[in-house]
């Protein structure tokens, strides 16, 4: 079970933890951020994504076998 605090935990965009959760290239991630499909925050020179935002993004990805899925 996750808590609201867990969902707020910030994960560096360039980290093994993020790569395990969402194995996309950095280029693709920045593209998704630019297109507004993924929300990130910048603190200093580093970019972070909240754990809850990663969860939301993955849950909203189209599922294979569903209408409209690529």
PDB file of N, CA and C in Angstrom:
ATOM      1  N   UNK A   1       0.844  -1.176   0.000  1.00  0.00           N
ATOM      2  CA  UNK A   1       0.000   0.000   0.000  1.00  0.00           C
ATOM      3  C   UNK A   1       0.895   1.247   0.000  1.00  0.00           C
ATOM      4  N   UNK A   2       0.538   2.204  -0.820  1.00  0.00           N
ATOM      5  CA  UNK A   2       1.321   3.439  -0.880  1.00  0.00           C
ATOM      6  C   UNK A   2       0.595   4.532  -0.109  1.00  0.00           C
ATOM      7  N   UNK A   3       1.350   5.484   0.334  1.00  0.00           N
ATOM      8  CA  UNK A   3       0.778   6.619   1.053  1.00  0.00           C
ATOM      9  C   UNK A   3       0.996   7.878   0.239  1.00  0.00           C
ATOM     10  N   UNK A   4       0.354   8.949   0.664  1.00  0.00           N
ATOM     11  CA  UNK A   4       0.517  10.225  -0.029  1.00  0.00           C
ATOM     12  C   UNK A   4       1.977  10.676   0.034  1.00  0.00           C
ATOM     13  N   UNK A   5       2.652  10.378   1.128  1.00  0.00           N
ATOM     14  CA  UNK A   5       4.063  10.741   1.262  1.00  0.00           C
ATOM     15  C   UNK A   5       4.897   9.986   0.234  1.00  0.00           C
ATOM     16  N   UNK A   6       4.608   8.688   0.037  1.00  0.00           N
ATOM     17  CA  UNK A   6       5.324   7.896  -0.969  1.00  0.00           C
ATOM     18  C   UNK A   6       5.147   8.510  -2.356  1.00  0.00           C
ATOM     19  N   UNK A   7       3.933   8.943  -2.668  1.00  0.00           N
ATOM     20  CA  UNK A   7       3.652   9.506  -3.989  1.00  0.00           C
ATOM     21  C   UNK A   7       4.396  10.822  -4.213  1.00  0.00           C
ATOM     22  N   UNK A   8       4.739  11.526  -3.137  1.00  0.00           N
ATOM     23  CA  UNK A   8       5.445  12.802  -3.258  1.00  0.00           C
ATOM     24  C   UNK A   8       6.961  12.637  -3.332  1.00  0.00           C
ATOM     25  N   UNK A   9       7.450  11.454  -3.030  1.00  0.00           N
ATOM     26  CA  UNK A   9       8.898  11.227  -3.051  1.00  0.00           C
ATOM     27  C   UNK A   9       9.439  11.533  -4.445  1.00  0.00           C
ATOM     28  N   UNK A  10      10.482  12.354  -4.492  1.00  0.00           N
ATOM     29  CA  UNK A  10      11.057  12.751  -5.778  1.00  0.00           C
ATOM     30  C   UNK A  10      12.165  11.790  -6.179  1.00  0.00           C
ATOM     31  N   UNK A  11      12.111  11.353  -7.434  1.00  0.00           N
ATOM     32  CA  UNK A  11      13.096  10.438  -7.988  1.00  0.00           C
ATOM     33  C   UNK A  11      13.852  11.180  -9.078  1.00  0.00           C
ATOM     34  N   UNK A  12      15.185  11.200  -9.019  1.00  0.00           N
ATOM     35  CA  UNK A  12      15.940  11.863 -10.083  1.00  0.00           C
ATOM     36  C   UNK A  12      15.643  11.229 -11.446  1.00  0.00           C
ATOM     37  N   UNK A  13      15.486  12.070 -12.453  1.00  0.00           N
ATOM     38  CA  UNK A  13      15.206  11.577 -13.800  1.00  0.00           C
ATOM     39  C   UNK A  13      16.292  10.618 -14.267  1.00  0.00           C
ATOM     40  N   UNK A  14      17.522  10.941 -13.946  1.00  0.00           N
ATOM     41  CA  UNK A  14      18.656  10.095 -14.340  1.00  0.00           C
ATOM     42  C   UNK A  14      19.090   9.246 -13.153  1.00  0.00           C
ATOM     43  N   UNK A  15      18.303   8.215 -12.847  1.00  0.00           N
ATOM     44  CA  UNK A  15      18.640   7.334 -11.724  1.00  0.00           C
ATOM     45  C   UNK A  15      18.247   5.899 -12.045  1.00  0.00           C
ATOM     46  N   UNK A  16      18.957   4.942 -11.451  1.00  0.00           N
ATOM     47  CA  UNK A  16      18.597   3.529 -11.650  1.00  0.00           C
ATOM     48  C   UNK A  16      17.182   3.235 -11.165  1.00  0.00           C
ATOM     49  N   UNK A  17      16.746   3.892 -10.090  1.00  0.00           N
ATOM     50  CA  UNK A  17      15.394   3.662  -9.575  1.00  0.00           C
ATOM     51  C   UNK A  17      14.342   4.053 -10.616  1.00  0.00           C
ATOM     52  N   UNK A  18      14.499   5.250 -11.205  1.00  0.00           N
ATOM     53  CA  UNK A  18      13.551   5.683 -12.238  1.00  0.00           C
ATOM     54  C   UNK A  18      13.607   4.744 -13.430  1.00  0.00           C
ATOM     55  N   UNK A  19      14.796   4.309 -13.803  1.00  0.00           N
ATOM     56  CA  UNK A  19      14.955   3.441 -14.960  1.00  0.00           C
ATOM     57  C   UNK A  19      14.275   2.088 -14.734  1.00  0.00           C
ATOM     58  N   UNK A  20      14.265   1.600 -13.492  1.00  0.00           N
ATOM     59  CA  UNK A  20      13.562   0.353 -13.184  1.00  0.00           C
ATOM     60  C   UNK A  20      12.051   0.533 -13.304  1.00  0.00           C
ATOM     61  N   UNK A  21      11.543   1.660 -12.825  1.00  0.00           N
ATOM     62  CA  UNK A  21      10.109   1.922 -12.847  1.00  0.00           C
ATOM     63  C   UNK A  21       9.632   2.218 -14.266  1.00  0.00           C
ATOM     64  N   UNK A  22      10.388   3.031 -14.981  1.00  0.00           N
ATOM     65  CA  UNK A  22       9.993   3.484 -16.313  1.00  0.00           C
ATOM     66  C   UNK A  22      11.215   3.445 -17.231  1.00  0.00           C
ATOM     67  N   UNK A  23      11.447   2.308 -17.899  1.00  0.00           N
ATOM     68  CA  UNK A  23      12.664   2.129 -18.696  1.00  0.00           C
ATOM     69  C   UNK A  23      12.611   2.810 -20.071  1.00  0.00           C
ATOM     70  N   UNK A  24      12.489   4.136 -20.052  1.00  0.00           N
ATOM     71  CA  UNK A  24      12.512   4.908 -21.290  1.00  0.00           C
ATOM     72  C   UNK A  24      13.810   5.696 -21.350  1.00  0.00           C
ATOM     73  N   UNK A  25      14.213   6.067 -22.546  1.00  0.00           N
ATOM     74  CA  UNK A  25      15.421   6.867 -22.702  1.00  0.00           C
ATOM     75  C   UNK A  25      15.183   8.270 -22.139  1.00  0.00           C
ATOM     76  N   UNK A  26      16.265   8.938 -21.799  1.00  0.00           N
ATOM     77  CA  UNK A  26      16.180  10.318 -21.306  1.00  0.00           C
ATOM     78  C   UNK A  26      15.540  11.215 -22.353  1.00  0.00           C
ATOM     79  N   UNK A  27      15.885  10.999 -23.619  1.00  0.00           N
ATOM     80  CA  UNK A  27      15.312  11.795 -24.710  1.00  0.00           C
ATOM     81  C   UNK A  27      13.796  11.640 -24.751  1.00  0.00           C
ATOM     82  N   UNK A  28      13.307  10.402 -24.639  1.00  0.00           N
ATOM     83  CA  UNK A  28      11.863  10.149 -24.656  1.00  0.00           C
ATOM     84  C   UNK A  28      11.193  10.780 -23.435  1.00  0.00           C
ATOM     85  N   UNK A  29      11.826  10.691 -22.275  1.00  0.00           N
ATOM     86  CA  UNK A  29      11.250  11.297 -21.072  1.00  0.00           C
ATOM     87  C   UNK A  29      11.114  12.806 -21.224  1.00  0.00           C
ATOM     88  N   UNK A  30      12.168  13.470 -21.718  1.00  0.00           N
ATOM     89  CA  UNK A  30      12.080  14.923 -21.912  1.00  0.00           C
ATOM     90  C   UNK A  30      11.020  15.273 -22.953  1.00  0.00           C
ATOM     91  N   UNK A  31      10.855  14.434 -23.952  1.00  0.00           N
ATOM     92  CA  UNK A  31       9.803  14.642 -24.953  1.00  0.00           C
ATOM     93  C   UNK A  31       8.424  14.555 -24.296  1.00  0.00           C
ATOM     94  N   UNK A  32       8.223  13.563 -23.450  1.00  0.00           N
ATOM     95  CA  UNK A  32       6.944  13.405 -22.752  1.00  0.00           C
ATOM     96  C   UNK A  32       6.689  14.595 -21.818  1.00  0.00           C
ATOM     97  N   UNK A  33       7.747  15.113 -21.193  1.00  0.00           N
ATOM     98  CA  UNK A  33       7.613  16.296 -20.325  1.00  0.00           C
ATOM     99  C   UNK A  33       7.233  17.516 -21.165  1.00  0.00           C
ATOM    100  N   UNK A  34       7.919  17.715 -22.299  1.00  0.00           N
ATOM    101  CA  UNK A  34       7.610  18.858 -23.185  1.00  0.00           C
ATOM    102  C   UNK A  34       6.179  18.796 -23.709  1.00  0.00           C
ATOM    103  N   UNK A  35       5.704  17.584 -24.010  1.00  0.00           N
ATOM    104  CA  UNK A  35       4.346  17.418 -24.553  1.00  0.00           C
ATOM    105  C   UNK A  35       3.273  17.506 -23.459  1.00  0.00           C
ATOM    106  N   UNK A  36       3.688  17.589 -22.198  1.00  0.00           N
ATOM    107  CA  UNK A  36       2.726  17.719 -21.105  1.00  0.00           C
ATOM    108  C   UNK A  36       2.143  16.405 -20.625  1.00  0.00           C
ATOM    109  N   UNK A  37       2.677  15.286 -21.082  1.00  0.00           N
ATOM    110  CA  UNK A  37       2.165  13.983 -20.666  1.00  0.00           C
ATOM    111  C   UNK A  37       2.803  13.499 -19.366  1.00  0.00           C
ATOM    112  N   UNK A  38       3.902  14.113 -18.984  1.00  0.00           N
ATOM    113  CA  UNK A  38       4.622  13.743 -17.768  1.00  0.00           C
ATOM    114  C   UNK A  38       5.070  15.039 -17.090  1.00  0.00           C
ATOM    115  N   UNK A  39       4.848  15.149 -15.790  1.00  0.00           N
ATOM    116  CA  UNK A  39       5.193  16.358 -15.053  1.00  0.00           C
ATOM    117  C   UNK A  39       6.462  16.125 -14.251  1.00  0.00           C
ATOM    118  N   UNK A  40       7.382  17.060 -14.348  1.00  0.00           N
ATOM    119  CA  UNK A  40       8.644  16.975 -13.619  1.00  0.00           C
ATOM    120  C   UNK A  40       8.924  18.309 -12.952  1.00  0.00           C
ATOM    121  N   UNK A  41       9.845  18.295 -12.008  1.00  0.00           N
ATOM    122  CA  UNK A  41      10.278  19.523 -11.342  1.00  0.00           C
ATOM    123  C   UNK A  41      11.794  19.623 -11.440  1.00  0.00           C
ATOM    124  N   UNK A  42      12.268  20.845 -11.457  1.00  0.00           N
ATOM    125  CA  UNK A  42      13.715  21.074 -11.495  1.00  0.00           C
ATOM    126  C   UNK A  42      14.113  21.712 -10.169  1.00  0.00           C
ATOM    127  N   UNK A  43      15.128  21.135  -9.547  1.00  0.00           N
ATOM    128  CA  UNK A  43      15.714  21.689  -8.325  1.00  0.00           C
ATOM    129  C   UNK A  43      17.195  21.837  -8.621  1.00  0.00           C
ATOM    130  N   UNK A  44      17.623  23.083  -8.732  1.00  0.00           N
ATOM    131  CA  UNK A  44      19.000  23.328  -9.149  1.00  0.00           C
ATOM    132  C   UNK A  44      19.192  22.832 -10.574  1.00  0.00           C
ATOM    133  N   UNK A  45      20.198  22.020 -10.773  1.00  0.00           N
ATOM    134  CA  UNK A  45      20.497  21.509 -12.119  1.00  0.00           C
ATOM    135  C   UNK A  45      19.856  20.156 -12.380  1.00  0.00           C
ATOM    136  N   UNK A  46      19.191  19.576 -11.386  1.00  0.00           N
ATOM    137  CA  UNK A  46      18.632  18.227 -11.544  1.00  0.00           C
ATOM    138  C   UNK A  46      17.129  18.264 -11.776  1.00  0.00           C
ATOM    139  N   UNK A  47      16.655  17.289 -12.537  1.00  0.00           N
ATOM    140  CA  UNK A  47      15.233  17.145 -12.827  1.00  0.00           C
ATOM    141  C   UNK A  47      14.717  15.916 -12.082  1.00  0.00           C
ATOM    142  N   UNK A  48      13.555  16.071 -11.447  1.00  0.00           N
ATOM    143  CA  UNK A  48      12.969  15.003 -10.646  1.00  0.00           C
ATOM    144  C   UNK A  48      11.533  14.746 -11.092  1.00  0.00           C
ATOM    145  N   UNK A  49      11.089  13.525 -10.852  1.00  0.00           N
ATOM    146  CA  UNK A  49       9.694  13.160 -11.088  1.00  0.00           C
ATOM    147  C   UNK A  49       9.182  12.545  -9.789  1.00  0.00           C
ATOM    148  N   UNK A  50       7.996  12.956  -9.374  1.00  0.00           N
ATOM    149  CA  UNK A  50       7.395  12.376  -8.169  1.00  0.00           C
ATOM    150  C   UNK A  50       6.993  10.931  -8.457  1.00  0.00           C
ATOM    151  N   UNK A  51       7.171  10.074  -7.470  1.00  0.00           N
ATOM    152  CA  UNK A  51       6.828   8.655  -7.620  1.00  0.00           C
ATOM    153  C   UNK A  51       5.367   8.484  -8.052  1.00  0.00           C
ATOM    154  N   UNK A  52       4.473   9.285  -7.492  1.00  0.00           N
ATOM    155  CA  UNK A  52       3.060   9.211  -7.864  1.00  0.00           C
ATOM    156  C   UNK A  52       2.826   9.594  -9.318  1.00  0.00           C
ATOM    157  N   UNK A  53       3.616  10.534  -9.827  1.00  0.00           N
ATOM    158  CA  UNK A  53       3.506  10.942 -11.229  1.00  0.00           C
ATOM    159  C   UNK A  53       3.949   9.811 -12.137  1.00  0.00           C
ATOM    160  N   UNK A  54       4.994   9.104 -11.773  1.00  0.00           N
ATOM    161  CA  UNK A  54       5.427   7.935 -12.560  1.00  0.00           C
ATOM    162  C   UNK A  54       4.322   6.880 -12.577  1.00  0.00           C
ATOM    163  N   UNK A  55       3.714   6.655 -11.418  1.00  0.00           N
ATOM    164  CA  UNK A  55       2.626   5.665 -11.318  1.00  0.00           C
ATOM    165  C   UNK A  55       1.459   6.075 -12.227  1.00  0.00           C
ATOM    166  N   UNK A  56       1.069   7.352 -12.157  1.00  0.00           N
ATOM    167  CA  UNK A  56      -0.038   7.839 -12.982  1.00  0.00           C
ATOM    168  C   UNK A  56       0.265   7.665 -14.463  1.00  0.00           C
ATOM    169  N   UNK A  57       1.471   8.037 -14.864  1.00  0.00           N
ATOM    170  CA  UNK A  57       1.877   7.955 -16.265  1.00  0.00           C
ATOM    171  C   UNK A  57       1.798   6.515 -16.764  1.00  0.00           C
ATOM    172  N   UNK A  58       2.339   5.591 -15.997  1.00  0.00           N
ATOM    173  CA  UNK A  58       2.334   4.179 -16.410  1.00  0.00           C
ATOM    174  C   UNK A  58       0.900   3.654 -16.478  1.00  0.00           C
ATOM    175  N   UNK A  59       0.063   4.008 -15.517  1.00  0.00           N
ATOM    176  CA  UNK A  59      -1.325   3.544 -15.504  1.00  0.00           C
ATOM    177  C   UNK A  59      -2.123   4.070 -16.687  1.00  0.00           C
ATOM    178  N   UNK A  60      -1.745   5.245 -17.208  1.00  0.00           N
ATOM    179  CA  UNK A  60      -2.470   5.838 -18.329  1.00  0.00           C
ATOM    180  C   UNK A  60      -1.947   5.404 -19.695  1.00  0.00           C
ATOM    181  N   UNK A  61      -0.865   4.651 -19.729  1.00  0.00           N
ATOM    182  CA  UNK A  61      -0.356   4.173 -21.022  1.00  0.00           C
ATOM    183  C   UNK A  61      -1.373   3.227 -21.644  1.00  0.00           C
ATOM    184  N   UNK A  62      -1.506   3.258 -22.981  1.00  0.00           N
ATOM    185  CA  UNK A  62      -2.452   2.344 -23.629  1.00  0.00           C
ATOM    186  C   UNK A  62      -2.034   0.899 -23.409  1.00  0.00           C
ATOM    187  N   UNK A  63      -3.003   0.052 -23.210  1.00  0.00           N
ATOM    188  CA  UNK A  63      -2.769  -1.376 -23.010  1.00  0.00           C
ATOM    189  C   UNK A  63      -2.897  -2.101 -24.347  1.00  0.00           C
ATOM    190  N   UNK A  64      -2.036  -3.039 -24.579  1.00  0.00           N
ATOM    191  CA  UNK A  64      -2.121  -3.835 -25.804  1.00  0.00           C
ATOM    192  C   UNK A  64      -3.425  -4.611 -25.806  1.00  0.00           C
ATOM    193  N   UNK A  65      -4.045  -4.711 -26.962  1.00  0.00           N
ATOM    194  CA  UNK A  65      -5.298  -5.441 -27.083  1.00  0.00           C
ATOM    195  C   UNK A  65      -6.525  -4.609 -26.821  1.00  0.00           C
ATOM    196  N   UNK A  66      -6.367  -3.362 -26.402  1.00  0.00           N
ATOM    197  CA  UNK A  66      -7.512  -2.481 -26.197  1.00  0.00           C
ATOM    198  C   UNK A  66      -7.688  -1.608 -27.431  1.00  0.00           C
ATOM    199  N   UNK A  67      -8.896  -1.224 -27.703  1.00  0.00           N
ATOM    200  CA  UNK A  67      -9.143  -0.334 -28.837  1.00  0.00           C
ATOM    201  C   UNK A  67      -8.377   0.957 -28.668  1.00  0.00           C
ATOM    202  N   UNK A  68      -7.793   1.403 -29.754  1.00  0.00           N
ATOM    203  CA  UNK A  68      -7.043   2.644 -29.731  1.00  0.00           C
ATOM    204  C   UNK A  68      -5.615   2.483 -29.284  1.00  0.00           C
ATOM    205  N   UNK A  69      -5.239   1.269 -28.859  1.00  0.00           N
ATOM    206  CA  UNK A  69      -3.845   1.043 -28.443  1.00  0.00           C
ATOM    207  C   UNK A  69      -2.977   0.913 -29.676  1.00  0.00           C
ATOM    208  N   UNK A  70      -1.766   1.426 -29.567  1.00  0.00           N
ATOM    209  CA  UNK A  70      -0.828   1.373 -30.697  1.00  0.00           C
ATOM    210  C   UNK A  70      -0.252   0.003 -30.854  1.00  0.00           C
TER     211      UNK A  70
END
